Amino acid sequence: MKQTAIRLGPLALLLTVISICLTILAILTVTTARADLRLAEKYAETVKERTALETQGQELVRAVTVGEAGTLAPDADGTIRAELEQNGLRLRLALSPDGEGGWAVTDWRMEKEWTFDDTIDGLWSGSFGKEG
């Protein structure tokens, strides 16, 4: 009985390529998951800050409504304006008399200061010649 030899060369090459592909996919999966986690944590912090400012704004509206405005005084047209700030996030609000002895919210704006950063090192400027 004659036995034939099994050729492992092509099979070993195929298994090597498959294991390299799986390793690369695993590394990409872990990297993407970490980036998603960082982004989710940043978003959660932003939502916390916004919620805290919204709560302070609601407390201020309640205080004005029940007559406990404290140091807030209406301006010439009777509107009470206030600015609340926390960690660079600002809430601007305005309350105007509604004519029935109550107050109406006429402005409620959440703002964050943003400055454009154009100092990216090593980025191609888009021209081939000398800057002139």
N, C-alpha and C. Protein backbone atom coordinates (compact mmCIF):
# COMPACT_ATOMS: atom_id res chain seq x y z
N MET A 1 0.82 -1.16 0.00
CA MET A 1 0.00 0.00 0.00
C MET A 1 0.87 1.23 0.00
N LYS A 2 0.57 2.08 -0.92
CA LYS A 2 1.38 3.28 -1.11
C LYS A 2 0.66 4.48 -0.50
N GLN A 3 1.38 5.22 0.35
CA GLN A 3 0.77 6.40 0.96
C GLN A 3 1.23 7.66 0.24
N THR A 4 0.32 8.61 0.08
CA THR A 4 0.68 9.88 -0.56
C THR A 4 0.99 10.91 0.53
N ALA A 5 1.94 11.74 0.27
CA ALA A 5 2.36 12.77 1.23
C ALA A 5 1.35 13.92 1.21
N ILE A 6 1.08 14.46 2.39
CA ILE A 6 0.17 15.60 2.50
C ILE A 6 1.01 16.88 2.38
N ARG A 7 0.59 17.74 1.48
CA ARG A 7 1.32 19.00 1.27
C ARG A 7 0.73 20.06 2.20
N LEU A 8 1.50 20.50 3.16
CA LEU A 8 1.04 21.49 4.13
C LEU A 8 1.40 22.92 3.76
N GLY A 9 2.17 23.14 2.75
CA GLY A 9 2.59 24.48 2.37
C GLY A 9 1.44 25.44 2.10
N PRO A 10 0.53 25.15 1.15
CA PRO A 10 -0.59 26.05 0.88
C PRO A 10 -1.53 26.21 2.08
N LEU A 11 -1.76 25.13 2.81
CA LEU A 11 -2.63 25.19 3.97
C LEU A 11 -2.03 26.07 5.07
N ALA A 12 -0.74 25.91 5.31
CA ALA A 12 -0.06 26.73 6.32
C ALA A 12 -0.09 28.21 5.92
N LEU A 13 0.09 28.49 4.65
CA LEU A 13 0.05 29.87 4.17
C LEU A 13 -1.35 30.46 4.34
N LEU A 14 -2.37 29.69 4.03
CA LEU A 14 -3.75 30.16 4.19
C LEU A 14 -4.07 30.43 5.66
N LEU A 15 -3.68 29.54 6.54
CA LEU A 15 -3.92 29.74 7.97
C LEU A 15 -3.15 30.94 8.51
N THR A 16 -1.96 31.18 8.01
CA THR A 16 -1.18 32.35 8.43
C THR A 16 -1.87 33.64 8.01
N VAL A 17 -2.35 33.70 6.78
CA VAL A 17 -3.05 34.89 6.29
C VAL A 17 -4.33 35.12 7.09
N ILE A 18 -5.07 34.05 7.37
CA ILE A 18 -6.31 34.19 8.14
C ILE A 18 -6.02 34.68 9.55
N SER A 19 -4.99 34.15 10.19
CA SER A 19 -4.67 34.60 11.56
C SER A 19 -4.19 36.04 11.58
N ILE A 20 -3.45 36.47 10.57
CA ILE A 20 -3.02 37.88 10.49
C ILE A 20 -4.24 38.78 10.31
N CYS A 21 -5.17 38.40 9.45
CA CYS A 21 -6.38 39.21 9.23
C CYS A 21 -7.21 39.30 10.51
N LEU A 22 -7.37 38.19 11.22
CA LEU A 22 -8.13 38.21 12.46
C LEU A 22 -7.45 39.07 13.53
N THR A 23 -6.14 39.03 13.58
CA THR A 23 -5.40 39.86 14.54
C THR A 23 -5.60 41.34 14.23
N ILE A 24 -5.51 41.70 12.97
CA ILE A 24 -5.71 43.10 12.58
C ILE A 24 -7.14 43.56 12.90
N LEU A 25 -8.12 42.72 12.61
CA LEU A 25 -9.51 43.07 12.93
C LEU A 25 -9.71 43.21 14.44
N ALA A 26 -9.08 42.36 15.23
CA ALA A 26 -9.20 42.46 16.68
C ALA A 26 -8.59 43.76 17.19
N ILE A 27 -7.44 44.14 16.67
CA ILE A 27 -6.79 45.40 17.07
C ILE A 27 -7.67 46.59 16.69
N LEU A 28 -8.23 46.58 15.50
CA LEU A 28 -9.11 47.67 15.07
C LEU A 28 -10.37 47.74 15.93
N THR A 29 -10.90 46.59 16.32
CA THR A 29 -12.09 46.56 17.17
C THR A 29 -11.81 47.17 18.53
N VAL A 30 -10.69 46.80 19.14
CA VAL A 30 -10.33 47.34 20.46
C VAL A 30 -10.08 48.83 20.37
N THR A 31 -9.39 49.27 19.34
CA THR A 31 -9.10 50.71 19.17
C THR A 31 -10.39 51.50 18.99
N THR A 32 -11.29 51.00 18.17
CA THR A 32 -12.57 51.68 17.96
C THR A 32 -13.40 51.71 19.23
N ALA A 33 -13.39 50.61 19.98
CA ALA A 33 -14.16 50.57 21.23
C ALA A 33 -13.62 51.58 22.24
N ARG A 34 -12.32 51.72 22.32
CA ARG A 34 -11.73 52.71 23.24
C ARG A 34 -12.08 54.13 22.81
N ALA A 35 -12.02 54.40 21.52
CA ALA A 35 -12.38 55.73 21.03
C ALA A 35 -13.85 56.03 21.30
N ASP A 36 -14.71 55.04 21.10
CA ASP A 36 -16.13 55.22 21.40
C ASP A 36 -16.36 55.49 22.88
N LEU A 37 -15.62 54.80 23.74
CA LEU A 37 -15.75 55.01 25.18
C LEU A 37 -15.34 56.43 25.56
N ARG A 38 -14.22 56.91 25.02
CA ARG A 38 -13.78 58.28 25.31
C ARG A 38 -14.80 59.30 24.84
N LEU A 39 -15.35 59.09 23.65
CA LEU A 39 -16.37 60.00 23.13
C LEU A 39 -17.64 59.97 23.98
N ALA A 40 -18.04 58.79 24.41
CA ALA A 40 -19.23 58.67 25.25
C ALA A 40 -19.03 59.35 26.60
N GLU A 41 -17.83 59.22 27.18
CA GLU A 41 -17.55 59.88 28.46
C GLU A 41 -17.55 61.39 28.30
N LYS A 42 -17.00 61.88 27.20
CA LYS A 42 -16.99 63.33 26.94
C LYS A 42 -18.43 63.84 26.76
N TYR A 43 -19.24 63.10 26.04
CA TYR A 43 -20.63 63.49 25.84
C TYR A 43 -21.40 63.48 27.16
N ALA A 44 -21.14 62.47 27.99
CA ALA A 44 -21.82 62.38 29.28
C ALA A 44 -21.46 63.57 30.15
N GLU A 45 -20.20 64.00 30.13
CA GLU A 45 -19.78 65.17 30.91
C GLU A 45 -20.47 66.44 30.40
N THR A 46 -20.58 66.57 29.08
CA THR A 46 -21.27 67.72 28.49
C THR A 46 -22.74 67.74 28.90
N VAL A 47 -23.38 66.58 28.86
CA VAL A 47 -24.80 66.50 29.25
C VAL A 47 -24.96 66.86 30.72
N LYS A 48 -24.03 66.40 31.57
CA LYS A 48 -24.09 66.74 33.00
C LYS A 48 -24.01 68.25 33.22
N GLU A 49 -23.05 68.89 32.52
CA GLU A 49 -22.89 70.34 32.66
C GLU A 49 -24.14 71.08 32.16
N ARG A 50 -24.67 70.66 31.02
CA ARG A 50 -25.87 71.30 30.49
C ARG A 50 -27.05 71.12 31.43
N THR A 51 -27.20 69.92 31.98
CA THR A 51 -28.30 69.65 32.89
C THR A 51 -28.18 70.48 34.16
N ALA A 52 -26.97 70.63 34.67
CA ALA A 52 -26.77 71.45 35.87
C ALA A 52 -27.15 72.90 35.59
N LEU A 53 -26.76 73.43 34.43
CA LEU A 53 -27.14 74.80 34.09
C LEU A 53 -28.64 74.93 33.88
N GLU A 54 -29.24 73.95 33.23
CA GLU A 54 -30.70 73.98 33.04
C GLU A 54 -31.41 73.98 34.39
N THR A 55 -30.91 73.21 35.34
CA THR A 55 -31.51 73.16 36.67
C THR A 55 -31.39 74.51 37.37
N GLN A 56 -30.21 75.13 37.27
CA GLN A 56 -30.03 76.46 37.87
C GLN A 56 -30.97 77.48 37.23
N GLY A 57 -31.13 77.38 35.89
CA GLY A 57 -32.04 78.28 35.20
C GLY A 57 -33.48 78.09 35.63
N GLN A 58 -33.90 76.83 35.78
CA GLN A 58 -35.26 76.56 36.24
C GLN A 58 -35.48 77.07 37.66
N GLU A 59 -34.47 76.94 38.52
CA GLU A 59 -34.58 77.46 39.88
C GLU A 59 -34.70 78.98 39.88
N LEU A 60 -33.96 79.63 38.97
CA LEU A 60 -34.04 81.08 38.86
C LEU A 60 -35.42 81.51 38.39
N VAL A 61 -35.97 80.81 37.40
CA VAL A 61 -37.32 81.13 36.91
C VAL A 61 -38.34 80.94 38.03
N ARG A 62 -38.21 79.87 38.80
CA ARG A 62 -39.11 79.65 39.93
C ARG A 62 -38.99 80.77 40.95
N ALA A 63 -37.74 81.20 41.24
CA ALA A 63 -37.54 82.27 42.22
C ALA A 63 -38.18 83.57 41.75
N VAL A 64 -38.03 83.89 40.47
CA VAL A 64 -38.64 85.12 39.94
C VAL A 64 -40.16 85.00 39.97
N THR A 65 -40.68 83.84 39.63
CA THR A 65 -42.12 83.64 39.58
C THR A 65 -42.77 83.80 40.95
N VAL A 66 -42.12 83.32 42.00
CA VAL A 66 -42.70 83.43 43.33
C VAL A 66 -42.29 84.70 44.06
N GLY A 67 -41.51 85.55 43.38
CA GLY A 67 -41.15 86.84 43.96
C GLY A 67 -39.89 86.83 44.80
N GLU A 68 -39.04 85.84 44.64
CA GLU A 68 -37.80 85.77 45.39
C GLU A 68 -36.60 86.05 44.48
N ALA A 69 -36.71 87.04 43.62
CA ALA A 69 -35.67 87.31 42.63
C ALA A 69 -34.37 87.81 43.25
N GLY A 70 -34.43 88.31 44.45
CA GLY A 70 -33.21 88.76 45.13
C GLY A 70 -32.63 90.00 44.47
N THR A 71 -31.40 89.90 43.98
CA THR A 71 -30.70 91.06 43.42
C THR A 71 -31.03 91.30 41.96
N LEU A 72 -31.82 90.43 41.34
CA LEU A 72 -32.17 90.63 39.93
C LEU A 72 -33.22 91.72 39.81
N ALA A 73 -32.88 92.72 39.04
CA ALA A 73 -33.81 93.84 38.85
C ALA A 73 -34.18 93.93 37.37
N PRO A 74 -35.44 94.23 37.09
CA PRO A 74 -35.85 94.37 35.69
C PRO A 74 -35.20 95.59 35.04
N ASP A 75 -34.98 95.50 33.74
CA ASP A 75 -34.43 96.66 33.02
C ASP A 75 -35.58 97.59 32.62
N ALA A 76 -35.34 98.51 31.70
CA ALA A 76 -36.30 99.56 31.35
C ALA A 76 -37.64 99.01 30.85
N ASP A 77 -37.61 97.92 30.09
CA ASP A 77 -38.87 97.38 29.58
C ASP A 77 -39.48 96.31 30.50
N GLY A 78 -38.92 96.14 31.68
CA GLY A 78 -39.47 95.20 32.66
C GLY A 78 -38.93 93.79 32.54
N THR A 79 -37.98 93.58 31.64
CA THR A 79 -37.43 92.24 31.42
C THR A 79 -36.30 91.98 32.42
N ILE A 80 -36.33 90.80 33.01
CA ILE A 80 -35.25 90.38 33.89
C ILE A 80 -34.32 89.49 33.08
N ARG A 81 -33.05 89.87 33.05
CA ARG A 81 -32.05 89.10 32.30
C ARG A 81 -31.03 88.53 33.27
N ALA A 82 -30.57 87.32 32.96
CA ALA A 82 -29.56 86.69 33.81
C ALA A 82 -28.64 85.84 32.95
N GLU A 83 -27.42 85.67 33.43
CA GLU A 83 -26.44 84.81 32.79
C GLU A 83 -25.89 83.86 33.84
N LEU A 84 -25.95 82.58 33.55
CA LEU A 84 -25.39 81.57 34.44
C LEU A 84 -24.25 80.90 33.69
N GLU A 85 -23.13 80.67 34.37
CA GLU A 85 -21.98 80.09 33.70
C GLU A 85 -21.38 78.98 34.54
N GLN A 86 -20.92 77.93 33.82
CA GLN A 86 -20.28 76.80 34.49
C GLN A 86 -19.34 76.13 33.49
N ASN A 87 -18.06 76.08 33.81
CA ASN A 87 -17.04 75.42 32.98
C ASN A 87 -17.05 75.88 31.52
N GLY A 88 -17.18 77.16 31.30
CA GLY A 88 -17.17 77.69 29.94
C GLY A 88 -18.50 77.61 29.22
N LEU A 89 -19.47 76.98 29.80
CA LEU A 89 -20.81 76.88 29.22
C LEU A 89 -21.68 77.95 29.85
N ARG A 90 -22.41 78.68 29.03
CA ARG A 90 -23.18 79.83 29.52
C ARG A 90 -24.64 79.68 29.13
N LEU A 91 -25.51 79.98 30.10
CA LEU A 91 -26.96 80.01 29.85
C LEU A 91 -27.42 81.44 30.00
N ARG A 92 -27.97 81.99 28.92
CA ARG A 92 -28.54 83.34 28.96
C ARG A 92 -30.05 83.20 28.95
N LEU A 93 -30.69 83.87 29.89
CA LEU A 93 -32.14 83.80 29.93
C LEU A 93 -32.73 85.17 30.19
N ALA A 94 -33.95 85.34 29.71
CA ALA A 94 -34.67 86.59 29.90
C ALA A 94 -36.13 86.26 30.22
N LEU A 95 -36.67 86.96 31.21
CA LEU A 95 -38.06 86.80 31.62
C LEU A 95 -38.77 88.13 31.47
N SER A 96 -39.87 88.13 30.77
CA SER A 96 -40.65 89.36 30.56
C SER A 96 -42.01 89.20 31.22
N PRO A 97 -42.58 90.32 31.70
CA PRO A 97 -43.93 90.23 32.26
C PRO A 97 -44.93 89.82 31.17
N ASP A 98 -45.84 88.91 31.50
CA ASP A 98 -46.77 88.43 30.49
C ASP A 98 -48.08 89.21 30.47
N GLY A 99 -48.23 90.23 31.31
CA GLY A 99 -49.42 91.06 31.31
C GLY A 99 -50.52 90.55 32.24
N GLU A 100 -50.36 89.35 32.77
CA GLU A 100 -51.36 88.79 33.67
C GLU A 100 -50.78 88.61 35.08
N GLY A 101 -49.73 89.35 35.36
CA GLY A 101 -49.10 89.25 36.68
C GLY A 101 -48.05 88.16 36.77
N GLY A 102 -47.79 87.46 35.68
CA GLY A 102 -46.79 86.39 35.68
C GLY A 102 -45.61 86.75 34.80
N TRP A 103 -44.81 85.76 34.51
CA TRP A 103 -43.61 85.96 33.71
C TRP A 103 -43.58 84.97 32.56
N ALA A 104 -43.04 85.42 31.43
CA ALA A 104 -42.86 84.55 30.27
C ALA A 104 -41.38 84.49 29.93
N VAL A 105 -40.89 83.31 29.62
CA VAL A 105 -39.49 83.15 29.22
C VAL A 105 -39.37 83.61 27.77
N THR A 106 -38.62 84.68 27.55
CA THR A 106 -38.46 85.21 26.19
C THR A 106 -37.11 84.87 25.58
N ASP A 107 -36.18 84.41 26.39
CA ASP A 107 -34.87 84.02 25.87
C ASP A 107 -34.31 82.92 26.76
N TRP A 108 -33.82 81.87 26.14
CA TRP A 108 -33.22 80.75 26.86
C TRP A 108 -32.18 80.17 25.92
N ARG A 109 -30.93 80.62 26.06
CA ARG A 109 -29.88 80.25 25.12
C ARG A 109 -28.68 79.63 25.83
N MET A 110 -28.28 78.46 25.37
CA MET A 110 -27.09 77.79 25.87
C MET A 110 -25.96 78.09 24.89
N GLU A 111 -24.85 78.62 25.39
CA GLU A 111 -23.73 79.00 24.53
C GLU A 111 -22.43 78.47 25.11
N LYS A 112 -21.48 78.23 24.21
CA LYS A 112 -20.14 77.85 24.64
C LYS A 112 -19.16 78.58 23.75
N GLU A 113 -18.17 79.19 24.37
CA GLU A 113 -17.16 79.93 23.62
C GLU A 113 -16.33 78.95 22.80
N TRP A 114 -16.15 79.24 21.53
CA TRP A 114 -15.38 78.38 20.65
C TRP A 114 -14.40 79.24 19.87
N THR A 115 -13.16 78.81 19.83
CA THR A 115 -12.15 79.51 19.04
C THR A 115 -11.55 78.53 18.05
N PHE A 116 -11.37 78.99 16.84
CA PHE A 116 -10.83 78.15 15.78
C PHE A 116 -9.33 77.98 15.99
N ASP A 117 -8.87 76.74 15.95
CA ASP A 117 -7.45 76.45 16.12
C ASP A 117 -6.91 76.00 14.77
N ASP A 118 -6.10 76.85 14.15
CA ASP A 118 -5.55 76.50 12.84
C ASP A 118 -4.06 76.16 12.91
N THR A 119 -3.59 75.78 14.06
CA THR A 119 -2.17 75.46 14.22
C THR A 119 -1.96 73.95 14.16
N ILE A 120 -2.16 73.37 13.00
CA ILE A 120 -1.93 71.94 12.80
C ILE A 120 -0.55 71.79 12.19
N ASP A 121 0.34 71.23 12.94
CA ASP A 121 1.72 71.08 12.48
C ASP A 121 1.83 69.99 11.43
N GLY A 122 2.64 70.25 10.42
CA GLY A 122 2.94 69.25 9.40
C GLY A 122 1.86 69.10 8.36
N LEU A 123 0.85 69.95 8.35
CA LEU A 123 -0.20 69.84 7.35
C LEU A 123 0.21 70.60 6.10
N TRP A 124 0.01 70.01 4.95
CA TRP A 124 0.38 70.63 3.69
C TRP A 124 -0.47 71.88 3.47
N SER A 125 0.17 72.96 3.08
CA SER A 125 -0.54 74.24 2.92
C SER A 125 -1.35 74.32 1.63
N GLY A 126 -1.11 73.42 0.70
CA GLY A 126 -1.89 73.39 -0.53
C GLY A 126 -1.20 74.05 -1.70
N SER A 127 0.00 74.58 -1.52
CA SER A 127 0.70 75.21 -2.64
C SER A 127 2.04 74.51 -2.85
N PHE A 128 2.49 74.52 -4.10
CA PHE A 128 3.75 73.89 -4.44
C PHE A 128 4.89 74.90 -4.45
N GLY A 129 4.58 76.16 -4.70
CA GLY A 129 5.61 77.19 -4.76
C GLY A 129 5.90 77.79 -3.41
N LYS A 130 6.76 78.79 -3.44
CA LYS A 130 7.07 79.50 -2.20
C LYS A 130 5.92 80.39 -1.81
N GLU A 131 5.74 80.52 -0.51
CA GLU A 131 4.70 81.43 -0.01
C GLU A 131 5.13 82.85 -0.32
N GLY A 132 4.20 83.65 -0.79
CA GLY A 132 4.62 84.98 -1.18
C GLY A 132 3.83 86.03 -0.68
